[in-house]
Amino acid sequence: KKYLGLEDELYPEVGKEFVKMNSGDYVEVVLTGAIGTAKTTLAIWTTAYQVYLLACLRNPQQTFGLDRSSEILFVFQSLNATLAKQLNYDRFRSLIQTSPFFTEYFPFDTKINTECIFPHRIIVRPVSGQESAAIGQNVFGGLMDEVNFMEVTQDSAKTVDGGEYNQAIALYNSLSRRRKSRFMKKGKLPGVFCLVSSKRYPGQFTDQKALEAESDPTIYIYDKTTWDVLPKENFSGKWFQ
């Protein structure tokens, strides 16, 4: 009740998955699978939990070797800035506004609507679907949504050599480099970044990440059907081939 007040809304299986994602063993979580399996919800909760962990630090900037004027940024990125704000950021902001912990102990500036600015310059911000959206910024975590629906263009002017432009890969690489350059110490990367999308076609971006996870234990794959996640009373109990 003190944190998000969601105890009555939490499916048991979703709760178990949330605990695994935020165990400290993972730096990336790929959430894919069927529609209605709490993918975006888990990504938003994970971002809220990661903000909470930073709130427990006396001096986050000093902890990560940044000067005290530096921001620590969580980004919400999607196909474009409008979707990032409406589908993810607005949900996150609404969730935090009803949390006793965040309203009493670690409040953000409610006078600013475009981003959530917490104490210690910890910021949650929706950004555009461009590689340059977070340029020069200290990206700690957040989420990329609808990654399997992002632009893939052949002979694109957006690439240096005029070859294939894959928006999901370009955005991911940009954010991943920023996280590692700012926060990786002795091979350890703090925080969790979430990559979210329902399935669309074989070989999609989440499939590529699932293959990568086979050799990288720091990537967690959440790939569920509705009957994996929803309570049994939602179904007949009968099965068919």
Protein backbone atom coordinates (compact mmCIF):
# COMPACT_ATOMS: atom_id res chain seq x y z
CA LYS A 1 0.00 0.00 0.00
CA LYS A 2 2.88 2.37 0.72
CA TYR A 3 4.38 2.09 -2.74
CA LEU A 4 2.03 1.53 -5.67
CA GLY A 5 -1.11 0.25 -3.93
CA LEU A 6 -1.68 -2.43 -6.55
CA GLU A 7 -2.03 -5.49 -4.32
CA ASP A 8 -5.64 -6.06 -5.44
CA GLU A 9 -4.80 -5.65 -9.13
CA LEU A 10 -1.78 -7.94 -9.30
CA TYR A 11 -2.13 -11.36 -10.93
CA PRO A 12 0.08 -13.83 -8.98
CA GLU A 13 2.04 -14.93 -12.06
CA VAL A 14 2.71 -11.33 -13.05
CA GLY A 15 3.98 -10.62 -9.54
CA LYS A 16 6.40 -13.54 -9.72
CA GLU A 17 7.75 -12.30 -13.05
CA PHE A 18 8.17 -8.77 -11.70
CA VAL A 19 10.30 -10.09 -8.82
CA LYS A 20 12.55 -12.00 -11.24
CA MET A 21 12.99 -9.00 -13.56
CA ASN A 22 14.05 -6.78 -10.68
CA SER A 23 16.21 -9.29 -8.82
CA GLY A 24 19.39 -7.42 -9.75
CA ASP A 25 20.53 -10.18 -12.10
CA TYR A 26 19.31 -8.47 -15.28
CA VAL A 27 20.09 -5.22 -17.08
CA GLU A 28 17.61 -5.71 -19.94
CA VAL A 29 14.11 -7.18 -20.00
CA VAL A 30 12.47 -8.13 -23.28
CA LEU A 31 8.67 -8.30 -22.93
CA THR A 32 6.92 -9.95 -25.85
CA GLY A 33 4.26 -12.57 -26.58
CA ALA A 34 0.50 -12.23 -26.67
CA ILE A 35 -1.60 -9.10 -26.32
CA GLY A 36 -3.01 -8.76 -22.80
CA THR A 37 -0.14 -10.35 -20.88
CA ALA A 38 0.87 -7.21 -18.93
CA LYS A 39 3.98 -6.42 -21.00
CA THR A 40 3.76 -2.63 -20.84
CA THR A 41 2.41 -2.77 -17.29
CA LEU A 42 5.46 -4.72 -16.11
CA ALA A 43 7.79 -2.30 -17.91
CA ILE A 44 6.15 0.69 -16.20
CA TRP A 45 6.24 -0.97 -12.78
CA THR A 46 9.90 -1.89 -13.34
CA THR A 47 10.75 1.71 -14.16
CA ALA A 48 8.94 2.86 -11.00
CA TYR A 49 10.90 0.34 -8.93
CA GLN A 50 14.21 1.44 -10.43
CA VAL A 51 13.36 5.07 -9.57
CA TYR A 52 12.60 3.89 -6.03
CA LEU A 53 16.02 2.22 -5.77
CA LEU A 54 17.71 5.49 -6.75
CA ALA A 55 15.54 7.30 -4.19
CA CYS A 56 17.18 5.14 -1.50
CA LEU A 57 20.63 6.52 -2.31
CA ARG A 58 21.93 9.48 -0.34
CA ASN A 59 23.81 10.84 -3.36
CA PRO A 60 23.06 9.00 -6.64
CA GLN A 61 25.40 11.14 -8.75
CA GLN A 62 28.34 10.48 -6.44
CA THR A 63 27.50 6.76 -6.40
CA PHE A 64 27.83 6.58 -10.20
CA GLY A 65 30.74 8.97 -10.60
CA LEU A 66 28.75 11.89 -12.03
CA ASP A 67 29.02 15.54 -11.06
CA ARG A 68 26.17 16.66 -8.79
CA SER A 69 24.55 18.83 -11.48
CA SER A 70 24.10 15.84 -13.82
CA GLU A 71 20.66 14.41 -14.50
CA ILE A 72 19.96 10.68 -14.22
CA LEU A 73 17.43 9.96 -16.91
CA PHE A 74 14.75 7.34 -17.55
CA VAL A 75 13.36 7.56 -21.08
CA PHE A 76 10.06 6.36 -22.52
CA GLN A 77 10.49 5.88 -26.25
CA SER A 78 8.10 4.52 -28.88
CA LEU A 79 7.37 4.92 -32.60
CA ASN A 80 7.01 8.66 -31.98
CA ALA A 81 6.85 11.15 -29.11
CA THR A 82 3.03 11.21 -29.01
CA LEU A 83 2.75 7.47 -28.44
CA ALA A 84 5.58 7.50 -25.88
CA LYS A 85 3.69 10.10 -23.87
CA GLN A 86 0.13 8.82 -24.23
CA LEU A 87 0.73 5.08 -23.89
CA ASN A 88 3.54 4.92 -21.35
CA TYR A 89 4.56 8.19 -19.70
CA ASP A 90 1.02 9.26 -18.78
CA ARG A 91 0.38 5.84 -17.19
CA PHE A 92 3.63 6.06 -15.25
CA ARG A 93 2.87 9.58 -14.01
CA SER A 94 -0.66 8.62 -12.93
CA LEU A 95 0.70 5.61 -11.05
CA ILE A 96 3.31 7.65 -9.19
CA GLN A 97 0.82 10.38 -8.28
CA THR A 98 -1.21 7.87 -6.24
CA SER A 99 1.80 6.37 -4.44
CA PRO A 100 2.21 7.39 -0.76
CA PHE A 101 5.95 6.78 -0.95
CA PHE A 102 6.49 9.00 -3.98
CA THR A 103 4.08 11.74 -2.89
CA GLU A 104 5.39 11.93 0.69
CA TYR A 105 9.08 11.03 0.49
CA PHE A 106 10.23 11.40 -3.11
CA PRO A 107 7.79 13.68 -4.98
CA PHE A 108 8.23 14.99 -8.51
CA ASP A 109 7.42 18.55 -9.56
CA THR A 110 3.72 18.38 -10.47
CA LYS A 111 3.82 21.86 -12.07
CA ILE A 112 5.79 20.41 -15.01
CA ASN A 113 3.73 18.17 -17.28
CA THR A 114 6.28 17.26 -19.93
CA GLU A 115 8.48 15.19 -17.60
CA CYS A 116 8.72 13.98 -14.00
CA ILE A 117 11.58 15.72 -12.17
CA PHE A 118 12.33 13.98 -8.86
CA PRO A 119 14.86 15.05 -6.19
CA HIS A 120 18.57 14.60 -7.06
CA ARG A 121 17.75 15.47 -10.69
CA ILE A 122 16.32 12.04 -11.39
CA ILE A 123 14.08 12.57 -14.43
CA VAL A 124 11.53 10.44 -16.28
CA ARG A 125 10.91 11.79 -19.76
CA PRO A 126 9.01 10.74 -22.90
CA VAL A 127 11.12 11.26 -26.01
CA SER A 128 10.68 11.07 -29.79
CA GLY A 129 11.41 8.05 -31.94
CA GLN A 130 14.68 9.53 -33.21
CA GLU A 131 18.23 8.35 -32.47
CA SER A 132 19.13 11.86 -31.33
CA ALA A 133 16.28 12.07 -28.79
CA ALA A 134 18.53 11.30 -25.82
CA ILE A 135 21.84 12.55 -27.21
CA GLY A 136 24.29 13.75 -24.57
CA GLN A 137 22.12 12.54 -21.68
CA ASN A 138 22.77 10.11 -18.83
CA VAL A 139 20.26 7.36 -19.63
CA PHE A 140 19.90 4.99 -16.67
CA GLY A 141 16.82 3.02 -17.73
CA GLY A 142 13.27 3.21 -19.03
CA LEU A 143 11.47 1.47 -21.86
CA MET A 144 11.20 1.21 -25.63
CA ASP A 145 7.70 0.24 -26.75
CA GLU A 146 6.34 -1.31 -29.97
CA VAL A 147 9.83 -2.30 -31.08
CA ASN A 148 8.52 -4.93 -33.54
CA PHE A 149 6.40 -2.27 -35.27
CA MET A 150 9.19 0.22 -35.85
CA GLU A 151 10.36 1.33 -39.28
CA VAL A 152 12.52 -0.93 -41.45
CA THR A 153 13.53 0.77 -44.72
CA GLN A 154 15.76 -0.42 -47.54
CA ASP A 155 18.10 2.04 -49.30
CA SER A 156 17.47 4.60 -46.59
CA ALA A 157 18.92 8.09 -46.50
CA LYS A 158 18.99 7.73 -42.70
CA THR A 159 22.02 5.45 -42.92
CA VAL A 160 25.56 6.52 -43.75
CA ASP A 161 25.91 4.00 -46.60
CA GLY A 162 22.34 4.25 -47.90
CA GLY A 163 21.58 0.69 -46.77
CA GLU A 164 18.84 -0.73 -44.54
CA TYR A 165 17.55 1.45 -41.71
CA ASN A 166 16.06 -0.44 -38.78
CA GLN A 167 14.55 2.03 -36.32
CA ALA A 168 14.41 -0.40 -33.39
CA ILE A 169 18.06 -1.41 -33.73
CA ALA A 170 19.18 2.20 -34.22
CA LEU A 171 17.30 3.45 -31.14
CA TYR A 172 18.39 0.50 -29.02
CA ASN A 173 22.06 0.90 -29.94
CA SER A 174 21.94 4.62 -29.19
CA LEU A 175 20.40 4.15 -25.73
CA SER A 176 22.51 1.10 -24.90
CA ARG A 177 25.74 2.98 -25.65
CA ARG A 178 24.66 5.85 -23.41
CA ARG A 179 23.82 3.54 -20.51
CA LYS A 180 27.14 1.73 -20.74
CA SER A 181 29.28 4.84 -21.24
CA ARG A 182 27.75 6.64 -18.25
CA PHE A 183 27.06 3.91 -15.72
CA MET A 184 29.05 0.74 -16.37
CA LYS A 185 31.71 0.16 -13.73
CA LYS A 186 33.99 -2.90 -13.63
CA GLY A 187 31.75 -4.68 -16.13
CA LYS A 188 28.60 -4.11 -14.04
CA LEU A 189 25.66 -2.07 -15.36
CA PRO A 190 23.02 -0.86 -12.88
CA GLY A 191 19.36 -0.35 -13.69
CA VAL A 192 16.99 -2.20 -16.01
CA PHE A 193 15.94 -1.21 -19.52
CA CYS A 194 12.73 -2.71 -20.94
CA LEU A 195 12.07 -3.57 -24.60
CA VAL A 196 8.37 -4.12 -25.24
CA SER A 197 6.27 -5.38 -28.16
CA SER A 198 3.72 -7.99 -29.12
CA LYS A 199 4.82 -10.38 -31.85
CA ARG A 200 4.57 -9.47 -35.51
CA TYR A 201 6.82 -11.56 -37.81
CA PRO A 202 9.62 -14.17 -37.57
CA GLY A 203 13.06 -12.66 -37.08
CA GLN A 204 11.66 -9.49 -35.50
CA PHE A 205 13.67 -7.39 -33.05
CA THR A 206 12.46 -9.29 -29.95
CA ASP A 207 13.39 -12.59 -31.64
CA GLN A 208 16.90 -11.25 -32.18
CA LYS A 209 17.13 -10.30 -28.50
CA ALA A 210 15.85 -13.74 -27.47
CA LEU A 211 18.70 -15.34 -29.43
CA GLU A 212 21.15 -12.95 -27.78
CA ALA A 213 19.78 -13.90 -24.35
CA GLU A 214 20.80 -17.53 -24.92
CA SER A 215 24.43 -16.46 -24.44
CA ASP A 216 23.86 -13.38 -22.26
CA PRO A 217 22.45 -14.14 -18.77
CA THR A 218 21.80 -10.45 -18.07
CA ILE A 219 18.87 -10.36 -20.55
CA TYR A 220 15.51 -11.59 -19.24
CA ILE A 221 12.90 -12.79 -21.74
CA TYR A 222 9.22 -12.46 -20.82
CA ASP A 223 7.25 -14.29 -23.55
CA LYS A 224 3.83 -15.38 -22.32
CA THR A 225 0.44 -16.52 -23.53
CA THR A 226 -2.74 -15.29 -21.84
CA TRP A 227 -3.23 -18.66 -20.11
CA ASP A 228 0.28 -18.40 -18.65
CA VAL A 229 -0.59 -15.13 -16.94
CA LEU A 230 -4.31 -14.79 -16.24
CA PRO A 231 -5.93 -16.65 -13.31
CA LYS A 232 -7.36 -20.09 -14.08
CA GLU A 233 -10.93 -18.93 -13.44
CA ASN A 234 -10.72 -16.94 -16.69
CA PHE A 235 -10.71 -20.22 -18.66
CA SER A 236 -12.87 -23.34 -19.03
CA GLY A 237 -10.16 -25.76 -17.96
CA LYS A 238 -10.55 -27.65 -21.24
CA TRP A 239 -7.78 -28.01 -23.81
CA PHE A 240 -7.71 -28.64 -27.56
CA GLN A 241 -5.00 -29.35 -30.11
